[in-house]
Amino acid sequence: QVQLVESGGGLVQAGGSLRLSCAVSRRTSSYYDMGWFRQAPGKEREFVAAIKWTGLSTTYADSVKGRFIISRDNANNTLYLQMNNLNPDDTAIYYCATCRDVRDRNLRSKSVYDYWGQGIQVTVSS
């Protein structure tokens, strides 16, 4: 069983930055990939960014390319999402997720993830 806890959200003005963190608690050691998703009111949960366990491969949604950076610190079991140049369209609940590392799986699809955090609110004001 795995538990994930997001932190670092809050209220920020348009053009500002936030850094989200996701602490991962695992009962056993394993290789795992991780991703960030977000969900705005009345909308489906959408992909934001993902990273392989090595940290050498990342992928981003077109809407956040050039603004967000995903990274991880495996020694501390922590996932990060640095969000820059935020705009009101980024307002959502942000979720981190994790799954076993499997070659060639599509980390952009929420269906591949086994565990999810509770989510954290990010609000961007005009």
N, C-alpha and C. Protein backbone atom coordinates (compact mmCIF):
# COMPACT_ATOMS: atom_id res chain seq x y z
N GLN A 1 0.84 -1.18 0.00
CA GLN A 1 0.00 0.00 0.00
C GLN A 1 0.88 1.24 0.00
N VAL A 2 0.39 2.29 -0.67
CA VAL A 2 1.13 3.52 -0.83
C VAL A 2 0.24 4.70 -0.44
N GLN A 3 0.84 5.68 0.22
CA GLN A 3 0.14 6.91 0.55
C GLN A 3 0.93 8.10 0.00
N LEU A 4 0.20 9.09 -0.52
CA LEU A 4 0.80 10.28 -1.07
C LEU A 4 0.12 11.50 -0.48
N VAL A 5 0.91 12.50 -0.12
CA VAL A 5 0.38 13.71 0.49
C VAL A 5 0.97 14.93 -0.21
N GLU A 6 0.10 15.74 -0.80
CA GLU A 6 0.53 16.95 -1.48
C GLU A 6 0.63 18.12 -0.50
N SER A 7 1.50 19.06 -0.82
CA SER A 7 1.64 20.27 -0.03
C SER A 7 2.16 21.39 -0.92
N GLY A 8 2.08 22.62 -0.43
CA GLY A 8 2.64 23.75 -1.15
C GLY A 8 1.66 24.55 -1.97
N GLY A 9 0.39 24.18 -1.96
CA GLY A 9 -0.60 24.93 -2.70
C GLY A 9 -0.98 26.21 -1.99
N GLY A 10 -1.93 26.93 -2.59
CA GLY A 10 -2.39 28.17 -2.00
C GLY A 10 -2.88 29.15 -3.04
N LEU A 11 -2.90 30.40 -2.64
CA LEU A 11 -3.37 31.49 -3.49
C LEU A 11 -2.20 32.31 -3.99
N VAL A 12 -2.20 32.59 -5.28
CA VAL A 12 -1.14 33.38 -5.89
C VAL A 12 -1.73 34.25 -6.99
N GLN A 13 -1.12 35.40 -7.22
CA GLN A 13 -1.57 36.28 -8.29
C GLN A 13 -1.05 35.79 -9.64
N ALA A 14 -1.77 36.14 -10.69
CA ALA A 14 -1.35 35.80 -12.03
C ALA A 14 0.07 36.28 -12.27
N GLY A 15 0.87 35.42 -12.90
CA GLY A 15 2.27 35.72 -13.13
C GLY A 15 3.20 35.23 -12.04
N GLY A 16 2.64 34.80 -10.94
CA GLY A 16 3.43 34.32 -9.83
C GLY A 16 3.80 32.85 -9.96
N SER A 17 4.45 32.34 -8.91
CA SER A 17 4.94 30.96 -8.91
C SER A 17 4.57 30.24 -7.63
N LEU A 18 4.46 28.94 -7.73
CA LEU A 18 4.27 28.05 -6.60
C LEU A 18 5.06 26.77 -6.84
N ARG A 19 5.46 26.12 -5.77
CA ARG A 19 6.08 24.81 -5.86
C ARG A 19 5.28 23.81 -5.05
N LEU A 20 4.75 22.80 -5.72
CA LEU A 20 4.03 21.74 -5.05
C LEU A 20 4.98 20.60 -4.71
N SER A 21 4.72 19.96 -3.59
CA SER A 21 5.48 18.79 -3.18
C SER A 21 4.53 17.63 -2.95
N CYS A 22 5.02 16.43 -3.14
CA CYS A 22 4.25 15.22 -2.89
C CYS A 22 5.14 14.24 -2.15
N ALA A 23 4.82 13.99 -0.89
CA ALA A 23 5.56 13.03 -0.09
C ALA A 23 4.97 11.64 -0.27
N VAL A 24 5.83 10.67 -0.56
CA VAL A 24 5.40 9.31 -0.85
C VAL A 24 5.83 8.39 0.27
N SER A 25 4.87 7.65 0.82
CA SER A 25 5.15 6.65 1.84
C SER A 25 4.86 5.27 1.25
N ARG A 26 5.88 4.43 1.20
CA ARG A 26 5.77 3.11 0.62
C ARG A 26 6.14 2.05 1.65
N ARG A 27 5.39 0.97 1.68
CA ARG A 27 5.67 -0.10 2.62
C ARG A 27 6.86 -0.94 2.19
N THR A 28 7.10 -1.01 0.90
CA THR A 28 8.24 -1.74 0.37
C THR A 28 8.96 -0.89 -0.66
N SER A 29 10.24 -1.13 -0.82
CA SER A 29 11.02 -0.41 -1.81
C SER A 29 10.73 -0.96 -3.20
N SER A 30 10.61 -0.05 -4.16
CA SER A 30 10.35 -0.46 -5.53
C SER A 30 10.65 0.69 -6.47
N TYR A 31 10.80 0.37 -7.75
CA TYR A 31 10.91 1.39 -8.77
C TYR A 31 9.51 1.88 -9.13
N TYR A 32 9.34 3.18 -9.24
CA TYR A 32 8.03 3.71 -9.53
C TYR A 32 8.11 5.01 -10.31
N ASP A 33 7.13 5.22 -11.15
CA ASP A 33 6.98 6.46 -11.90
C ASP A 33 5.93 7.34 -11.21
N MET A 34 5.95 8.64 -11.52
CA MET A 34 5.02 9.54 -10.85
C MET A 34 4.49 10.60 -11.82
N GLY A 35 3.33 11.12 -11.48
CA GLY A 35 2.73 12.14 -12.30
C GLY A 35 1.91 13.13 -11.50
N TRP A 36 1.64 14.27 -12.13
CA TRP A 36 0.75 15.29 -11.59
C TRP A 36 -0.45 15.43 -12.51
N PHE A 37 -1.62 15.52 -11.91
CA PHE A 37 -2.87 15.79 -12.62
C PHE A 37 -3.58 16.93 -11.92
N ARG A 38 -4.55 17.52 -12.58
CA ARG A 38 -5.33 18.58 -11.96
C ARG A 38 -6.78 18.50 -12.41
N GLN A 39 -7.65 19.05 -11.58
CA GLN A 39 -9.07 19.03 -11.88
C GLN A 39 -9.72 20.33 -11.42
N ALA A 40 -10.29 21.05 -12.37
CA ALA A 40 -11.03 22.26 -12.08
C ALA A 40 -12.50 21.92 -11.88
N PRO A 41 -13.26 22.78 -11.18
CA PRO A 41 -14.68 22.50 -10.98
C PRO A 41 -15.43 22.27 -12.29
N GLY A 42 -16.20 21.20 -12.34
CA GLY A 42 -16.98 20.90 -13.52
C GLY A 42 -16.21 20.31 -14.68
N LYS A 43 -14.92 20.03 -14.49
CA LYS A 43 -14.10 19.49 -15.56
C LYS A 43 -13.52 18.14 -15.17
N GLU A 44 -13.07 17.40 -16.17
CA GLU A 44 -12.42 16.12 -15.94
C GLU A 44 -11.00 16.33 -15.43
N ARG A 45 -10.52 15.34 -14.70
CA ARG A 45 -9.14 15.38 -14.25
C ARG A 45 -8.22 15.25 -15.46
N GLU A 46 -7.25 16.16 -15.58
CA GLU A 46 -6.40 16.19 -16.75
C GLU A 46 -4.93 16.05 -16.39
N PHE A 47 -4.19 15.51 -17.32
CA PHE A 47 -2.76 15.30 -17.16
C PHE A 47 -2.01 16.62 -17.13
N VAL A 48 -1.01 16.72 -16.27
CA VAL A 48 -0.16 17.89 -16.18
C VAL A 48 1.29 17.56 -16.54
N ALA A 49 1.88 16.61 -15.83
CA ALA A 49 3.27 16.25 -16.05
C ALA A 49 3.56 14.89 -15.45
N ALA A 50 4.59 14.21 -15.96
CA ALA A 50 4.98 12.92 -15.42
C ALA A 50 6.48 12.75 -15.51
N ILE A 51 7.01 11.87 -14.68
CA ILE A 51 8.45 11.64 -14.63
C ILE A 51 8.74 10.18 -14.31
N LYS A 52 9.70 9.60 -15.04
CA LYS A 52 10.12 8.23 -14.77
C LYS A 52 10.93 8.17 -13.49
N TRP A 53 11.11 6.96 -12.96
CA TRP A 53 11.79 6.81 -11.67
C TRP A 53 13.23 7.29 -11.71
N THR A 54 13.86 7.22 -12.86
CA THR A 54 15.25 7.69 -12.98
C THR A 54 15.34 9.22 -13.01
N GLY A 55 14.24 9.88 -13.31
CA GLY A 55 14.25 11.32 -13.45
C GLY A 55 14.78 11.80 -14.79
N LEU A 56 15.16 10.88 -15.66
CA LEU A 56 15.75 11.22 -16.95
C LEU A 56 14.73 11.41 -18.06
N SER A 57 13.50 11.04 -17.83
CA SER A 57 12.46 11.18 -18.83
C SER A 57 11.25 11.88 -18.23
N THR A 58 10.85 12.98 -18.84
CA THR A 58 9.69 13.74 -18.39
C THR A 58 8.77 14.04 -19.56
N THR A 59 7.51 14.29 -19.26
CA THR A 59 6.56 14.68 -20.28
C THR A 59 5.58 15.68 -19.67
N TYR A 60 5.08 16.60 -20.51
CA TYR A 60 4.22 17.67 -20.05
C TYR A 60 3.02 17.84 -20.95
N ALA A 61 1.92 18.29 -20.37
CA ALA A 61 0.78 18.71 -21.16
C ALA A 61 1.15 19.98 -21.91
N ASP A 62 0.58 20.15 -23.11
CA ASP A 62 0.89 21.33 -23.91
C ASP A 62 0.58 22.62 -23.16
N SER A 63 -0.44 22.61 -22.34
CA SER A 63 -0.88 23.81 -21.65
C SER A 63 0.12 24.32 -20.61
N VAL A 64 1.06 23.48 -20.19
CA VAL A 64 2.01 23.89 -19.16
C VAL A 64 3.45 23.86 -19.63
N LYS A 65 3.70 23.44 -20.85
CA LYS A 65 5.07 23.39 -21.36
C LYS A 65 5.72 24.77 -21.30
N GLY A 66 6.95 24.79 -20.83
CA GLY A 66 7.68 26.04 -20.71
C GLY A 66 7.39 26.81 -19.45
N ARG A 67 6.38 26.38 -18.68
CA ARG A 67 6.03 27.07 -17.45
C ARG A 67 6.22 26.20 -16.21
N PHE A 68 5.94 24.91 -16.33
CA PHE A 68 6.03 23.99 -15.21
C PHE A 68 7.24 23.07 -15.37
N ILE A 69 7.81 22.66 -14.24
CA ILE A 69 8.92 21.72 -14.24
C ILE A 69 8.65 20.64 -13.19
N ILE A 70 8.67 19.39 -13.62
CA ILE A 70 8.50 18.27 -12.70
C ILE A 70 9.87 17.70 -12.35
N SER A 71 10.05 17.34 -11.10
CA SER A 71 11.31 16.76 -10.66
C SER A 71 11.03 15.84 -9.47
N ARG A 72 12.04 15.07 -9.08
CA ARG A 72 11.86 14.16 -7.96
C ARG A 72 13.16 13.98 -7.20
N ASP A 73 13.02 13.65 -5.94
CA ASP A 73 14.15 13.35 -5.07
C ASP A 73 13.87 11.97 -4.48
N ASN A 74 14.42 10.95 -5.12
CA ASN A 74 14.12 9.58 -4.70
C ASN A 74 14.65 9.27 -3.30
N ALA A 75 15.76 9.88 -2.93
CA ALA A 75 16.33 9.64 -1.61
C ALA A 75 15.37 10.06 -0.50
N ASN A 76 14.59 11.10 -0.77
CA ASN A 76 13.62 11.60 0.21
C ASN A 76 12.18 11.26 -0.15
N ASN A 77 12.00 10.45 -1.18
CA ASN A 77 10.67 10.02 -1.60
C ASN A 77 9.72 11.20 -1.79
N THR A 78 10.19 12.18 -2.55
CA THR A 78 9.42 13.39 -2.76
C THR A 78 9.36 13.76 -4.23
N LEU A 79 8.18 14.12 -4.69
CA LEU A 79 7.94 14.60 -6.04
C LEU A 79 7.65 16.10 -5.98
N TYR A 80 8.11 16.84 -6.98
CA TYR A 80 7.90 18.28 -7.00
C TYR A 80 7.27 18.72 -8.32
N LEU A 81 6.57 19.84 -8.25
CA LEU A 81 6.08 20.52 -9.45
C LEU A 81 6.30 22.01 -9.26
N GLN A 82 7.28 22.54 -9.96
CA GLN A 82 7.53 23.97 -9.94
C GLN A 82 6.64 24.61 -11.00
N MET A 83 5.79 25.54 -10.57
CA MET A 83 4.83 26.19 -11.46
C MET A 83 5.17 27.67 -11.55
N ASN A 84 5.49 28.11 -12.75
CA ASN A 84 5.86 29.50 -12.99
C ASN A 84 4.87 30.16 -13.94
N ASN A 85 4.85 31.49 -13.90
CA ASN A 85 3.97 32.27 -14.77
C ASN A 85 2.54 31.74 -14.75
N LEU A 86 2.02 31.59 -13.57
CA LEU A 86 0.67 31.04 -13.41
C LEU A 86 -0.39 31.99 -13.93
N ASN A 87 -1.47 31.42 -14.43
CA ASN A 87 -2.62 32.20 -14.87
C ASN A 87 -3.89 31.60 -14.29
N PRO A 88 -5.01 32.32 -14.34
CA PRO A 88 -6.24 31.81 -13.72
C PRO A 88 -6.69 30.45 -14.24
N ASP A 89 -6.33 30.10 -15.46
CA ASP A 89 -6.69 28.79 -16.00
C ASP A 89 -5.97 27.65 -15.30
N ASP A 90 -4.95 27.96 -14.52
CA ASP A 90 -4.25 26.94 -13.75
C ASP A 90 -4.95 26.63 -12.43
N THR A 91 -5.98 27.38 -12.10
CA THR A 91 -6.72 27.14 -10.87
C THR A 91 -7.38 25.77 -10.90
N ALA A 92 -7.07 24.95 -9.92
CA ALA A 92 -7.58 23.58 -9.88
C ALA A 92 -7.10 22.91 -8.60
N ILE A 93 -7.64 21.73 -8.36
CA ILE A 93 -7.06 20.85 -7.35
C ILE A 93 -6.01 19.99 -8.04
N TYR A 94 -4.82 19.99 -7.48
CA TYR A 94 -3.71 19.24 -8.07
C TYR A 94 -3.48 17.95 -7.30
N TYR A 95 -3.32 16.87 -8.04
CA TYR A 95 -3.13 15.54 -7.47
C TYR A 95 -1.81 14.95 -7.94
N CYS A 96 -1.10 14.31 -7.04
CA CYS A 96 0.03 13.50 -7.45
C CYS A 96 -0.39 12.04 -7.47
N ALA A 97 0.29 11.25 -8.28
CA ALA A 97 -0.04 9.85 -8.45
C ALA A 97 1.22 9.05 -8.73
N THR A 98 1.16 7.75 -8.49
CA THR A 98 2.32 6.91 -8.71
C THR A 98 1.91 5.53 -9.23
N CYS A 99 2.84 4.88 -9.91
CA CYS A 99 2.61 3.54 -10.44
C CYS A 99 3.95 2.83 -10.56
N ARG A 100 3.91 1.52 -10.72
CA ARG A 100 5.12 0.74 -10.95
C ARG A 100 5.77 1.17 -12.25
N ASP A 101 7.09 1.13 -12.25
CA ASP A 101 7.82 1.47 -13.47
C ASP A 101 7.76 0.31 -14.44
N VAL A 102 7.10 0.51 -15.57
CA VAL A 102 6.97 -0.49 -16.62
C VAL A 102 7.40 0.14 -17.94
N ARG A 103 8.22 -0.57 -18.68
CA ARG A 103 8.74 -0.04 -19.94
C ARG A 103 7.62 0.30 -20.91
N ASP A 104 7.67 1.51 -21.47
CA ASP A 104 6.81 1.99 -22.54
C ASP A 104 5.35 2.23 -22.16
N ARG A 105 5.02 2.28 -20.90
CA ARG A 105 3.65 2.58 -20.53
C ARG A 105 3.39 4.08 -20.70
N ASN A 106 2.13 4.43 -20.95
CA ASN A 106 1.75 5.81 -21.23
C ASN A 106 1.43 6.54 -19.93
N LEU A 107 2.38 7.33 -19.46
CA LEU A 107 2.21 8.04 -18.20
C LEU A 107 1.30 9.25 -18.30
N ARG A 108 0.84 9.58 -19.48
CA ARG A 108 -0.10 10.67 -19.66
C ARG A 108 -1.53 10.25 -19.36
N SER A 109 -1.76 8.97 -19.26
CA SER A 109 -3.09 8.43 -18.99
C SER A 109 -3.27 8.17 -17.51
N LYS A 110 -4.32 8.72 -16.92
CA LYS A 110 -4.56 8.52 -15.50
C LYS A 110 -4.88 7.08 -15.16
N SER A 111 -5.26 6.28 -16.15
CA SER A 111 -5.64 4.90 -15.90
C SER A 111 -4.47 4.02 -15.50
N VAL A 112 -3.24 4.44 -15.75
CA VAL A 112 -2.08 3.61 -15.42
C VAL A 112 -1.63 3.76 -13.98
N TYR A 113 -2.13 4.75 -13.28
CA TYR A 113 -1.66 5.02 -11.93
C TYR A 113 -2.44 4.21 -10.89
N ASP A 114 -1.71 3.71 -9.91
CA ASP A 114 -2.30 2.84 -8.90
C ASP A 114 -2.74 3.58 -7.64
N TYR A 115 -2.04 4.65 -7.31
CA TYR A 115 -2.31 5.37 -6.08
C TYR A 115 -2.35 6.87 -6.32
N TRP A 116 -3.21 7.55 -5.58
CA TRP A 116 -3.42 8.98 -5.73
C TRP A 116 -3.42 9.68 -4.38
N GLY A 117 -2.92 10.92 -4.36
CA GLY A 117 -3.03 11.74 -3.18
C GLY A 117 -4.42 12.33 -3.05
N GLN A 118 -4.66 13.04 -1.96
CA GLN A 118 -5.96 13.65 -1.72
C GLN A 118 -6.18 14.93 -2.52
N GLY A 119 -5.11 15.50 -3.03
CA GLY A 119 -5.20 16.72 -3.81
C GLY A 119 -4.97 17.96 -2.97
N ILE A 120 -4.55 19.03 -3.63
CA ILE A 120 -4.31 20.30 -2.96
C ILE A 120 -4.75 21.43 -3.86
N GLN A 121 -5.37 22.45 -3.27
CA GLN A 121 -5.94 23.55 -4.04
C GLN A 121 -4.86 24.54 -4.46
N VAL A 122 -4.92 24.92 -5.73
CA VAL A 122 -4.12 26.02 -6.26
C VAL A 122 -5.09 27.02 -6.87
N THR A 123 -5.03 28.25 -6.40
CA THR A 123 -5.92 29.30 -6.89
C THR A 123 -5.08 30.46 -7.40
N VAL A 124 -5.32 30.85 -8.64
CA VAL A 124 -4.59 31.94 -9.26
C VAL A 124 -5.57 33.07 -9.53
N SER A 125 -5.32 34.22 -8.94
CA SER A 125 -6.19 35.38 -9.09
C SER A 125 -5.69 36.29 -10.20
N SER A 126 -6.62 37.05 -10.79
CA SER A 126 -6.28 37.98 -11.86
C SER A 126 -5.65 39.24 -11.30
